[in-house]
Amino acid sequence: MRNETEQPASFSASRRWGQALNFVLAVLAAAALVLLANHLATRHYARVAWTDNANFKLSPLTRQVLQSLTNTVRVVVYYDRAEALYTPVTALLKEYSLANPRVEIEVVNYVVEPAKAELIKARYRLTPQARDLVIFDANGKTKVITQSDLSEYDLAAFVVGRDRDIRRTGFHGERLFTSALATVADPATPQAYFLTGHGEHDHGNSSHDVGYGKFAALLLDSGVRLAPLRLAGTNTIPADSRLLIVAAPQIPLDSSEQEKLEKYLQGGGRMLLLLSYNSRSGLEPLLARWGVEIGDNTVIDERNSPPASGSVLVNQFDPHPVVGPLASARLPLQLVLPRSIGRRAGHQQNADAAKVTELAATSEAGLAVRRVRNGPQSSALRERQGVIPLMIAVEKGGIAGVADAGATRMIVAGDSYFLDNQMIEAAANREFAWQAANWLLDRPQFLGGIGPRPVREHTFTITAAKMRRLFWILVAVIPGASLALGLVVWIRRQR
């Protein structure tokens, strides 16, 4: 007789086979969905950076330059894979290639590919000692970036003997790669001149605080040729000049030099004029004819001036191609004891006159103070109060905002120190220099974006013991725990 207390089996054989079949079908359906998703992703995909601190998130300026590419740019990564910067370099360049397939990347490991390395050395005329380079090649132009250029190092602890290692604190890959890309992608090589002979900032000095070496390096990185220019005697502004930079002359230009400058501007010349609080250019009458008024004063802004710094943070911008991107990104300029530069009273903005745009100004708390030179040194007069313009853009002979080789363009700023070696990295001063130079040079494809922000590096120190412990955790503990959990579930289901 059947024992009435005996429980029937939980699953019959047919039910077990049915569940097994359902499981197999579910696995096949999941696999089909994965394959379908991958198939669609290869044709319709988007890359998203999940954090603002992502090392390889391309800046708007880089994307702007990439979008402007119309020809192929070859990038050769001539690197040893064992080098610490190999992975950051190749990962960043992959983002460039994904953003625009015209950026073609070739990786050459000179350690394991000596024959290929010799071909690269011969093609680009590299020295026998050349190591760890990134080479940009297009339009018959090349730009080589060395490993030492890519890194910023903290030498303080090494110099004082606290540490035997030199720590890398920054990676300048995107800034240098974008500049190199802009350089080789532009078939033309514009010529710019720095006016000299009047006590201007020295564009060949990268060590002194008030030198202009870093500003000159920015122009060189963007593919601009540079040369000094003296206008004394019979010298004239060369016909190949695409940009003349006048950086805070301390001695006024004489009448002959001013006539040459006026002729250059009337013929469609481009000029970046930077006037510090203590510069004496003698150009006030010339600029007045172009609708520009230069203040003989010093401007402060109690609302936007750091205490006892003498500087002014400027965040009031006109929607102009030079400063519009700064306004959109909410990035201020940091000027040092600026003077007022604005539109001349009574200047008519008609079709025949120069169009004068006030690019940047103080807040409503601005104050212009006129210094009395012939009286007591401490005396000063309040000249004006409120919103005070600090830099202007002038355009004549073309449609505003549209590149025209025959149009005159000028930018006049009421400070020169904000682009010197000490201040060019402050706030958005470097971005302004890039935007201003490219607007004056008629390179709209490089406008409209902001360059990469500084990279924050996070360092982890792992000892040999910790490395062994991490190895066993990854190889044994985690997989073992997963197997044990699966075994427990299987045993419980068999009961």
Protein backbone atom coordinates (compact mmCIF):
# COMPACT_ATOMS: atom_id res chain seq x y z
CA MET A 1 0.00 0.00 0.00
CA ARG A 2 1.32 3.48 -0.89
CA ASN A 3 2.48 5.45 2.08
CA GLU A 4 0.01 8.34 2.34
CA THR A 5 2.60 10.54 4.06
CA GLU A 6 5.03 10.25 1.12
CA GLN A 7 5.23 13.53 -0.79
CA PRO A 8 5.16 13.44 -4.60
CA ALA A 9 8.21 14.65 -6.48
CA SER A 10 8.35 18.43 -6.85
CA PHE A 11 9.10 18.22 -10.59
CA SER A 12 8.13 15.56 -13.03
CA ALA A 13 10.57 14.56 -15.75
CA SER A 14 8.53 16.36 -18.43
CA ARG A 15 8.42 19.50 -16.33
CA ARG A 16 12.16 19.43 -15.84
CA TRP A 17 12.73 19.02 -19.57
CA GLY A 18 10.31 21.87 -20.21
CA GLN A 19 12.16 24.20 -17.87
CA ALA A 20 15.49 23.21 -19.41
CA LEU A 21 14.09 23.99 -22.87
CA ASN A 22 12.81 27.38 -21.62
CA PHE A 23 16.25 28.12 -20.19
CA VAL A 24 17.97 27.27 -23.47
CA LEU A 25 15.50 29.38 -25.43
CA ALA A 26 16.00 32.31 -23.02
CA VAL A 27 19.78 32.10 -23.45
CA LEU A 28 19.42 31.99 -27.23
CA ALA A 29 17.02 34.96 -27.15
CA ALA A 30 19.42 36.96 -24.94
CA ALA A 31 22.31 36.14 -27.29
CA ALA A 32 20.23 37.22 -30.27
CA LEU A 33 19.41 40.53 -28.55
CA VAL A 34 23.09 41.14 -27.77
CA LEU A 35 24.09 40.40 -31.36
CA LEU A 36 21.33 42.66 -32.67
CA ALA A 37 22.34 45.48 -30.29
CA ASN A 38 25.98 45.21 -31.40
CA HIS A 39 24.93 45.17 -35.04
CA LEU A 40 22.94 48.37 -34.58
CA ALA A 41 25.67 49.96 -32.43
CA THR A 42 28.22 49.64 -35.22
CA ARG A 43 26.03 51.90 -37.38
CA HIS A 44 24.40 54.16 -34.80
CA TYR A 45 26.57 54.86 -31.78
CA ALA A 46 27.35 57.67 -29.36
CA ARG A 47 30.29 58.11 -27.01
CA VAL A 48 29.53 59.69 -23.65
CA ALA A 49 31.98 60.85 -20.98
CA TRP A 50 30.40 60.04 -17.63
CA THR A 51 32.47 62.54 -15.61
CA ASP A 52 33.74 66.08 -16.22
CA ASN A 53 37.21 64.89 -15.23
CA ALA A 54 37.43 62.32 -18.00
CA ASN A 55 40.99 62.44 -19.31
CA PHE A 56 40.00 61.92 -22.92
CA LYS A 57 36.85 64.00 -23.18
CA LEU A 58 37.52 66.26 -26.17
CA SER A 59 37.00 69.97 -25.61
CA PRO A 60 34.65 72.05 -27.80
CA LEU A 61 37.65 73.72 -29.45
CA THR A 62 39.14 70.37 -30.44
CA ARG A 63 35.83 69.22 -31.88
CA GLN A 64 35.57 72.51 -33.79
CA VAL A 65 39.01 71.95 -35.34
CA LEU A 66 38.17 68.32 -36.16
CA GLN A 67 34.91 69.29 -37.83
CA SER A 68 36.80 71.75 -40.05
CA LEU A 69 39.07 69.04 -41.51
CA THR A 70 38.52 68.47 -45.21
CA ASN A 71 41.65 66.46 -46.00
CA THR A 72 43.42 63.51 -44.46
CA VAL A 73 45.84 64.03 -41.58
CA ARG A 74 48.26 61.21 -40.90
CA VAL A 75 49.36 60.76 -37.29
CA VAL A 76 52.34 58.53 -36.57
CA VAL A 77 52.73 57.38 -32.96
CA TYR A 78 56.43 56.51 -32.83
CA TYR A 79 56.48 55.01 -29.33
CA ASP A 80 57.69 52.21 -27.13
CA ARG A 81 54.65 50.46 -25.70
CA ALA A 82 56.40 50.16 -22.33
CA GLU A 83 56.50 53.96 -21.90
CA ALA A 84 54.09 55.40 -19.35
CA LEU A 85 52.59 57.90 -21.81
CA TYR A 86 51.93 55.35 -24.55
CA THR A 87 48.42 54.50 -23.32
CA PRO A 88 47.27 58.12 -22.71
CA VAL A 89 48.63 59.19 -26.10
CA THR A 90 47.01 56.40 -28.12
CA ALA A 91 43.72 56.57 -26.21
CA LEU A 92 43.43 60.32 -26.79
CA LEU A 93 44.31 60.06 -30.46
CA LYS A 94 41.70 57.33 -30.86
CA GLU A 95 39.10 59.89 -29.73
CA TYR A 96 40.34 62.24 -32.47
CA SER A 97 39.99 59.51 -35.08
CA LEU A 98 36.51 58.55 -33.87
CA ALA A 99 35.42 62.19 -34.03
CA ASN A 100 36.72 62.48 -37.61
CA PRO A 101 37.90 59.43 -39.61
CA ARG A 102 40.14 61.72 -41.67
CA VAL A 103 42.58 61.53 -38.77
CA GLU A 104 44.44 58.33 -39.66
CA ILE A 105 46.65 56.86 -36.92
CA GLU A 106 49.66 54.62 -37.45
CA VAL A 107 51.44 53.14 -34.44
CA VAL A 108 55.11 52.24 -34.83
CA ASN A 109 56.81 50.45 -31.95
CA TYR A 110 60.47 51.15 -32.68
CA VAL A 111 61.58 48.47 -30.20
CA VAL A 112 59.99 45.48 -31.94
CA GLU A 113 59.62 46.97 -35.45
CA PRO A 114 63.13 48.25 -36.30
CA ALA A 115 62.66 48.07 -40.07
CA LYS A 116 59.45 50.09 -39.94
CA ALA A 117 61.09 52.51 -37.54
CA GLU A 118 63.94 53.15 -39.98
CA LEU A 119 61.43 54.00 -42.71
CA ILE A 120 59.75 56.55 -40.41
CA LYS A 121 63.12 58.06 -39.51
CA ALA A 122 64.04 58.41 -43.17
CA ARG A 123 60.65 59.80 -44.20
CA TYR A 124 60.57 62.51 -41.51
CA ARG A 125 64.35 63.01 -41.26
CA LEU A 126 64.49 62.06 -37.61
CA THR A 127 67.79 61.83 -35.76
CA PRO A 128 69.14 58.35 -34.88
CA GLN A 129 68.40 59.10 -31.22
CA ALA A 130 64.74 60.01 -31.84
CA ARG A 131 62.42 58.30 -29.36
CA ASP A 132 58.77 58.48 -28.33
CA LEU A 133 57.31 61.03 -30.75
CA VAL A 134 53.92 61.89 -32.20
CA ILE A 135 54.15 63.12 -35.80
CA PHE A 136 51.32 64.99 -37.58
CA ASP A 137 51.55 65.02 -41.38
CA ALA A 138 49.29 66.77 -43.92
CA ASN A 139 49.57 69.15 -46.88
CA GLY A 140 53.31 68.61 -47.05
CA LYS A 141 53.69 69.99 -43.51
CA THR A 142 54.75 68.08 -40.42
CA LYS A 143 54.64 68.80 -36.71
CA VAL A 144 56.59 66.65 -34.25
CA ILE A 145 55.64 66.48 -30.55
CA THR A 146 58.13 64.93 -28.16
CA GLN A 147 57.35 63.09 -24.96
CA SER A 148 58.93 65.86 -22.87
CA ASP A 149 56.48 68.37 -24.39
CA LEU A 150 53.49 66.29 -23.33
CA SER A 151 54.10 66.31 -19.58
CA GLU A 152 54.26 68.85 -16.81
CA TYR A 153 56.48 67.85 -13.92
CA ASP A 154 56.67 68.80 -10.25
CA LEU A 155 60.39 69.33 -9.60
CA ALA A 156 60.09 70.97 -6.17
CA ALA A 157 60.47 67.81 -4.06
CA PHE A 158 63.28 66.51 -6.28
CA VAL A 159 65.26 69.76 -6.12
CA VAL A 160 65.19 69.99 -2.32
CA GLY A 161 66.03 66.29 -1.97
CA ARG A 162 62.77 65.12 -0.39
CA ASP A 163 62.04 62.70 -3.21
CA ARG A 164 64.23 60.85 -5.71
CA ASP A 165 61.39 60.62 -8.24
CA ILE A 166 60.08 63.38 -10.50
CA ARG A 167 56.29 63.28 -10.46
CA ARG A 168 54.22 64.05 -13.53
CA THR A 169 51.44 66.47 -12.59
CA GLY A 170 49.85 67.23 -15.95
CA PHE A 171 49.28 65.85 -19.44
CA HIS A 172 49.21 68.43 -22.25
CA GLY A 173 48.23 66.00 -24.98
CA GLU A 174 45.02 67.60 -26.19
CA ARG A 175 46.37 71.15 -26.28
CA LEU A 176 49.44 70.12 -28.28
CA PHE A 177 47.63 67.64 -30.54
CA THR A 178 44.93 70.17 -31.46
CA SER A 179 47.52 72.86 -32.16
CA ALA A 180 49.50 70.43 -34.33
CA LEU A 181 46.35 69.41 -36.16
CA ALA A 182 45.47 73.05 -36.84
CA THR A 183 49.00 73.72 -38.05
CA VAL A 184 49.28 70.92 -40.62
CA ALA A 185 45.63 71.06 -41.75
CA ASP A 186 45.90 74.68 -42.87
CA PRO A 187 47.59 74.78 -46.30
CA ALA A 188 48.70 78.37 -45.68
CA THR A 189 51.31 79.49 -43.15
CA PRO A 190 50.43 83.02 -42.07
CA GLN A 191 53.18 85.49 -41.18
CA ALA A 192 52.92 87.66 -38.06
CA TYR A 193 55.27 90.38 -36.86
CA PHE A 194 55.99 91.73 -33.38
CA LEU A 195 56.73 95.47 -33.45
CA THR A 196 60.02 96.26 -31.67
CA GLY A 197 62.16 99.30 -30.90
CA HIS A 198 59.84 101.04 -28.43
CA GLY A 199 60.28 98.99 -25.26
CA GLU A 200 57.57 96.44 -26.12
CA HIS A 201 57.19 93.05 -24.42
CA ASP A 202 59.92 90.71 -25.66
CA HIS A 203 58.34 87.85 -27.63
CA GLY A 204 61.63 85.93 -27.49
CA ASN A 205 61.75 85.84 -23.68
CA SER A 206 60.07 82.87 -22.01
CA SER A 207 61.72 83.16 -18.59
CA HIS A 208 60.95 86.69 -17.41
CA ASP A 209 57.49 87.35 -15.98
CA VAL A 210 56.69 90.18 -18.40
CA GLY A 211 58.13 88.43 -21.45
CA TYR A 212 55.86 87.32 -24.28
CA GLY A 213 57.56 83.98 -24.97
CA LYS A 214 54.52 81.88 -24.03
CA PHE A 215 52.23 83.97 -26.21
CA ALA A 216 54.69 83.58 -29.09
CA ALA A 217 54.79 79.82 -28.48
CA LEU A 218 50.98 79.69 -28.71
CA LEU A 219 51.14 81.38 -32.12
CA LEU A 220 53.89 79.06 -33.30
CA ASP A 221 51.90 76.03 -32.14
CA SER A 222 48.95 77.22 -34.23
CA GLY A 223 51.09 77.34 -37.38
CA VAL A 224 51.99 81.04 -37.50
CA ARG A 225 55.45 82.23 -38.53
CA LEU A 226 56.85 84.99 -36.31
CA ALA A 227 59.45 87.69 -36.85
CA PRO A 228 60.42 90.99 -35.20
CA LEU A 229 59.78 94.25 -37.06
CA ARG A 230 61.31 97.70 -36.69
CA LEU A 231 59.68 100.63 -38.50
CA ALA A 232 62.52 103.10 -38.01
CA GLY A 233 64.11 104.72 -41.03
CA THR A 234 63.03 103.38 -44.40
CA ASN A 235 61.61 100.11 -43.06
CA THR A 236 57.97 99.38 -43.93
CA ILE A 237 55.48 96.74 -42.92
CA PRO A 238 56.17 93.75 -45.23
CA ALA A 239 53.55 92.81 -47.80
CA ASP A 240 53.29 89.28 -46.40
CA SER A 241 52.18 90.51 -42.97
CA ARG A 242 48.92 88.85 -41.94
CA LEU A 243 49.10 90.20 -38.39
CA LEU A 244 51.02 92.96 -36.61
CA ILE A 245 51.29 92.72 -32.81
CA VAL A 246 52.05 95.91 -30.91
CA ALA A 247 52.61 94.94 -27.27
CA ALA A 248 52.69 97.99 -24.97
CA PRO A 249 55.29 100.37 -26.47
CA GLN A 250 56.91 102.53 -23.79
CA ILE A 251 58.22 105.09 -26.30
CA PRO A 252 55.67 106.75 -28.64
CA LEU A 253 55.87 105.89 -32.33
CA ASP A 254 57.12 108.86 -34.35
CA SER A 255 55.11 110.47 -37.13
CA SER A 256 56.81 108.45 -39.87
CA GLU A 257 56.05 105.15 -38.12
CA GLN A 258 52.45 106.19 -37.56
CA GLU A 259 52.04 106.99 -41.25
CA LYS A 260 53.31 103.53 -42.17
CA LEU A 261 50.90 101.96 -39.69
CA GLU A 262 47.98 104.03 -41.03
CA LYS A 263 48.79 102.96 -44.60
CA TYR A 264 48.95 99.31 -43.50
CA LEU A 265 45.53 99.50 -41.84
CA GLN A 266 43.94 101.35 -44.74
CA GLY A 267 45.15 98.55 -47.01
CA GLY A 268 43.34 95.87 -45.05
CA GLY A 269 45.96 95.19 -42.37
CA ARG A 270 45.38 93.30 -39.14
CA MET A 271 46.65 94.55 -35.78
CA LEU A 272 46.54 93.39 -32.16
CA LEU A 273 47.31 96.44 -30.03
CA LEU A 274 47.86 95.91 -26.30
CA LEU A 275 48.17 99.01 -24.12
CA SER A 276 49.13 98.73 -20.46
CA TYR A 277 48.48 101.40 -17.83
CA ASN A 278 52.05 102.72 -18.22
CA SER A 279 52.56 102.40 -22.00
CA ARG A 280 52.90 105.43 -24.26
CA SER A 281 52.12 104.59 -27.88
CA GLY A 282 51.30 108.00 -29.33
CA LEU A 283 48.58 106.28 -31.38
CA GLU A 284 45.62 108.12 -29.83
CA PRO A 285 44.98 110.38 -32.90
CA LEU A 286 45.28 107.44 -35.32
CA LEU A 287 42.88 105.28 -33.31
CA ALA A 288 40.44 108.17 -32.93
CA ARG A 289 40.08 108.23 -36.72
CA TRP A 290 39.06 104.56 -36.49
CA GLY A 291 36.45 105.30 -33.81
CA VAL A 292 38.50 104.20 -30.79
CA GLU A 293 39.03 106.20 -27.60
CA ILE A 294 41.93 105.35 -25.29
CA GLY A 295 41.60 106.37 -21.66
CA ASP A 296 44.58 107.81 -19.77
CA ASN A 297 43.49 106.13 -16.56
CA THR A 298 43.46 102.97 -14.47
CA VAL A 299 40.27 100.95 -14.08
CA ILE A 300 39.22 99.01 -11.00
CA ASP A 301 36.11 96.98 -10.31
CA GLU A 302 35.28 96.66 -6.63
CA ARG A 303 32.88 93.82 -7.39
CA ASN A 304 35.37 91.76 -9.42
CA SER A 305 38.80 92.72 -8.11
CA PRO A 306 40.64 90.30 -5.80
CA PRO A 307 41.81 92.19 -2.68
CA ALA A 308 45.18 93.99 -3.04
CA SER A 309 45.88 92.28 -6.38
CA GLY A 310 45.60 95.15 -8.83
CA SER A 311 43.78 92.82 -11.22
CA VAL A 312 40.23 92.84 -12.54
CA LEU A 313 38.20 89.73 -13.35
CA VAL A 314 36.21 90.53 -16.47
CA ASN A 315 33.09 88.52 -17.30
CA GLN A 316 30.97 91.07 -19.18
CA PHE A 317 31.33 90.16 -22.86
CA ASP A 318 29.75 91.13 -26.17
CA PRO A 319 28.43 88.27 -28.39
CA HIS A 320 31.43 88.58 -30.71
CA PRO A 321 33.38 85.63 -32.25
CA VAL A 322 36.43 86.51 -30.12
CA VAL A 323 34.79 86.58 -26.69
CA GLY A 324 31.44 84.86 -27.28
CA PRO A 325 32.86 81.41 -26.40
CA LEU A 326 34.21 82.81 -23.11
CA ALA A 327 30.78 84.11 -22.22
CA SER A 328 29.12 80.78 -23.09
CA ALA A 329 31.61 78.86 -20.94
CA ARG A 330 31.41 81.50 -18.15
CA LEU A 331 35.18 81.94 -18.16
CA PRO A 332 36.52 85.35 -17.07
CA LEU A 333 39.59 87.23 -18.20
CA GLN A 334 42.03 88.47 -15.58
CA LEU A 335 43.48 91.87 -16.49
CA VAL A 336 46.19 93.75 -14.57
CA LEU A 337 45.56 97.46 -13.89
CA PRO A 338 43.69 97.91 -17.18
CA ARG A 339 42.85 101.22 -18.80
CA SER A 340 39.57 102.05 -20.52
CA ILE A 341 39.33 101.35 -24.26
CA GLY A 342 35.99 102.14 -25.86
CA ARG A 343 34.05 103.58 -28.76
CA ARG A 344 34.80 107.22 -29.47
CA ALA A 345 31.92 109.57 -28.73
CA GLY A 346 30.15 110.60 -31.91
CA HIS A 347 31.51 107.75 -34.01
CA GLN A 348 28.94 106.79 -36.64
CA GLN A 349 28.37 103.07 -37.24
CA ASN A 350 27.34 103.51 -40.88
CA ALA A 351 28.26 101.39 -43.88
CA ASP A 352 31.35 103.45 -44.75
CA ALA A 353 32.73 103.79 -41.25
CA ALA A 354 34.62 101.24 -39.22
CA LYS A 355 32.44 99.01 -37.09
CA VAL A 356 33.59 99.29 -33.47
CA THR A 357 32.47 96.61 -30.99
CA GLU A 358 33.19 96.85 -27.28
CA LEU A 359 34.25 93.30 -26.46
CA ALA A 360 34.63 93.34 -22.67
CA ALA A 361 33.71 95.66 -19.83
CA THR A 362 33.58 95.93 -16.06
CA SER A 363 30.46 95.45 -13.99
CA GLU A 364 28.35 98.40 -12.84
CA ALA A 365 30.89 98.82 -10.01
CA GLY A 366 33.66 99.86 -12.42
CA LEU A 367 35.69 102.98 -11.61
CA ALA A 368 38.21 104.78 -13.88
CA VAL A 369 40.80 106.81 -11.99
CA ARG A 370 42.88 109.42 -13.80
CA ARG A 371 46.39 109.82 -12.39
CA VAL A 372 47.76 113.33 -12.08
CA ARG A 373 51.37 113.10 -13.22
CA ASN A 374 52.39 116.70 -12.61
CA GLY A 375 50.99 116.88 -9.11
CA PRO A 376 51.52 114.84 -5.94
CA GLN A 377 52.06 111.15 -6.68
CA SER A 378 49.16 110.12 -4.46
CA SER A 379 46.62 112.41 -6.10
CA ALA A 380 44.04 111.00 -8.47
CA LEU A 381 40.73 111.99 -10.01
CA ARG A 382 37.60 109.94 -10.44
CA GLU A 383 37.08 110.06 -14.19
CA ARG A 384 33.99 107.90 -14.64
CA GLN A 385 31.98 105.27 -12.83
CA GLY A 386 29.77 102.39 -13.94
CA VAL A 387 30.21 99.93 -16.81
CA ILE A 388 33.59 100.75 -18.38
CA PRO A 389 34.77 99.12 -21.64
CA LEU A 390 38.24 97.58 -21.55
CA MET A 391 38.80 96.26 -25.08
CA ILE A 392 37.33 96.72 -28.53
CA ALA A 393 37.27 95.13 -31.97
CA VAL A 394 37.35 97.19 -35.16
CA GLU A 395 36.34 95.95 -38.59
CA LYS A 396 36.09 97.82 -41.87
CA GLY A 397 35.78 96.82 -45.50
CA GLY A 398 33.94 93.51 -45.09
CA ILE A 399 30.86 91.95 -43.57
CA ALA A 400 31.20 91.75 -39.81
CA GLY A 401 32.05 88.25 -38.69
CA VAL A 402 32.74 86.98 -42.23
CA ALA A 403 36.29 86.24 -43.37
CA ASP A 404 37.43 88.73 -46.02
CA ALA A 405 41.08 89.11 -46.93
CA GLY A 406 40.52 92.77 -47.87
CA ALA A 407 38.92 93.85 -44.59
CA THR A 408 40.78 95.74 -41.91
CA ARG A 409 40.59 94.19 -38.46
CA MET A 410 41.93 95.42 -35.15
CA ILE A 411 41.68 94.41 -31.52
CA VAL A 412 42.73 97.01 -28.97
CA ALA A 413 42.98 95.91 -25.33
CA GLY A 414 43.53 98.11 -22.30
CA ASP A 415 46.10 95.77 -20.81
CA SER A 416 49.20 93.97 -22.04
CA TYR A 417 50.31 92.16 -18.90
CA PHE A 418 47.43 89.67 -19.06
CA LEU A 419 49.21 87.91 -21.96
CA ASP A 420 52.72 87.89 -20.48
CA ASN A 421 54.48 84.77 -19.25
CA GLN A 422 53.13 85.15 -15.73
CA MET A 423 49.47 85.84 -16.54
CA ILE A 424 48.67 84.07 -19.81
CA GLU A 425 47.71 80.86 -17.97
CA ALA A 426 45.41 82.76 -15.56
CA ALA A 427 41.63 82.53 -15.99
CA ALA A 428 40.76 82.38 -19.73
CA ASN A 429 43.62 84.60 -20.92
CA ARG A 430 45.14 81.86 -23.09
CA GLU A 431 41.76 81.14 -24.69
CA PHE A 432 41.35 84.84 -25.49
CA ALA A 433 44.79 84.92 -27.14
CA TRP A 434 43.84 81.93 -29.32
CA GLN A 435 40.46 83.40 -30.28
CA ALA A 436 41.83 86.89 -30.97
CA ALA A 437 44.72 85.65 -33.14
CA ASN A 438 42.51 83.38 -35.25
CA TRP A 439 39.83 86.04 -35.74
CA LEU A 440 42.47 88.52 -36.90
CA LEU A 441 44.02 85.87 -39.18
CA ASP A 442 40.68 85.00 -40.83
CA ARG A 443 40.63 81.42 -39.55
CA PRO A 444 36.97 80.99 -38.54
CA GLN A 445 37.34 77.20 -38.50
CA PHE A 446 39.35 77.53 -35.29
CA LEU A 447 36.87 79.81 -33.53
CA GLY A 448 33.89 78.99 -31.38
CA GLY A 449 35.34 76.60 -28.82
CA ILE A 450 37.24 76.57 -25.58
CA GLY A 451 40.46 74.63 -25.20
CA PRO A 452 41.10 71.76 -22.80
CA ARG A 453 41.10 72.50 -19.11
CA PRO A 454 43.95 71.40 -16.81
CA VAL A 455 44.16 67.67 -16.13
CA ARG A 456 43.91 66.50 -12.53
CA GLU A 457 46.09 63.43 -11.93
CA HIS A 458 45.24 60.88 -9.25
CA THR A 459 48.13 58.72 -8.05
CA PHE A 460 47.79 55.31 -6.37
CA THR A 461 50.72 53.67 -4.62
CA ILE A 462 50.62 49.84 -4.49
CA THR A 463 53.36 47.87 -2.77
CA ALA A 464 54.50 44.41 -3.91
CA ALA A 465 52.61 42.77 -1.01
CA LYS A 466 49.42 44.63 -1.91
CA MET A 467 49.89 43.68 -5.54
CA ARG A 468 50.11 39.97 -4.62
CA ARG A 469 47.05 40.30 -2.42
CA LEU A 470 45.14 42.01 -5.23
CA PHE A 471 46.21 39.24 -7.64
CA TRP A 472 44.82 36.45 -5.41
CA ILE A 473 41.61 38.38 -4.81
CA LEU A 474 41.01 38.75 -8.54
CA VAL A 475 42.21 35.28 -9.55
CA ALA A 476 41.02 33.09 -6.66
CA VAL A 477 38.74 34.76 -4.13
CA ILE A 478 36.17 36.37 -6.43
CA PRO A 479 35.89 33.42 -8.88
CA GLY A 480 35.91 30.94 -5.96
CA ALA A 481 33.13 32.76 -4.18
CA SER A 482 31.04 32.74 -7.34
CA LEU A 483 31.57 28.97 -7.79
CA ALA A 484 30.74 28.26 -4.15
CA LEU A 485 27.52 30.25 -4.36
CA GLY A 486 26.53 28.40 -7.54
CA LEU A 487 27.27 25.03 -5.85
CA VAL A 488 25.08 25.88 -2.86
CA VAL A 489 22.19 26.85 -5.13
CA TRP A 490 22.57 23.61 -7.13
CA ILE A 491 22.58 21.43 -3.96
CA ARG A 492 19.47 23.13 -2.60
CA ARG A 493 17.62 22.54 -5.85
CA GLN A 494 18.50 18.83 -5.81
CA ARG A 495 16.72 18.28 -2.50
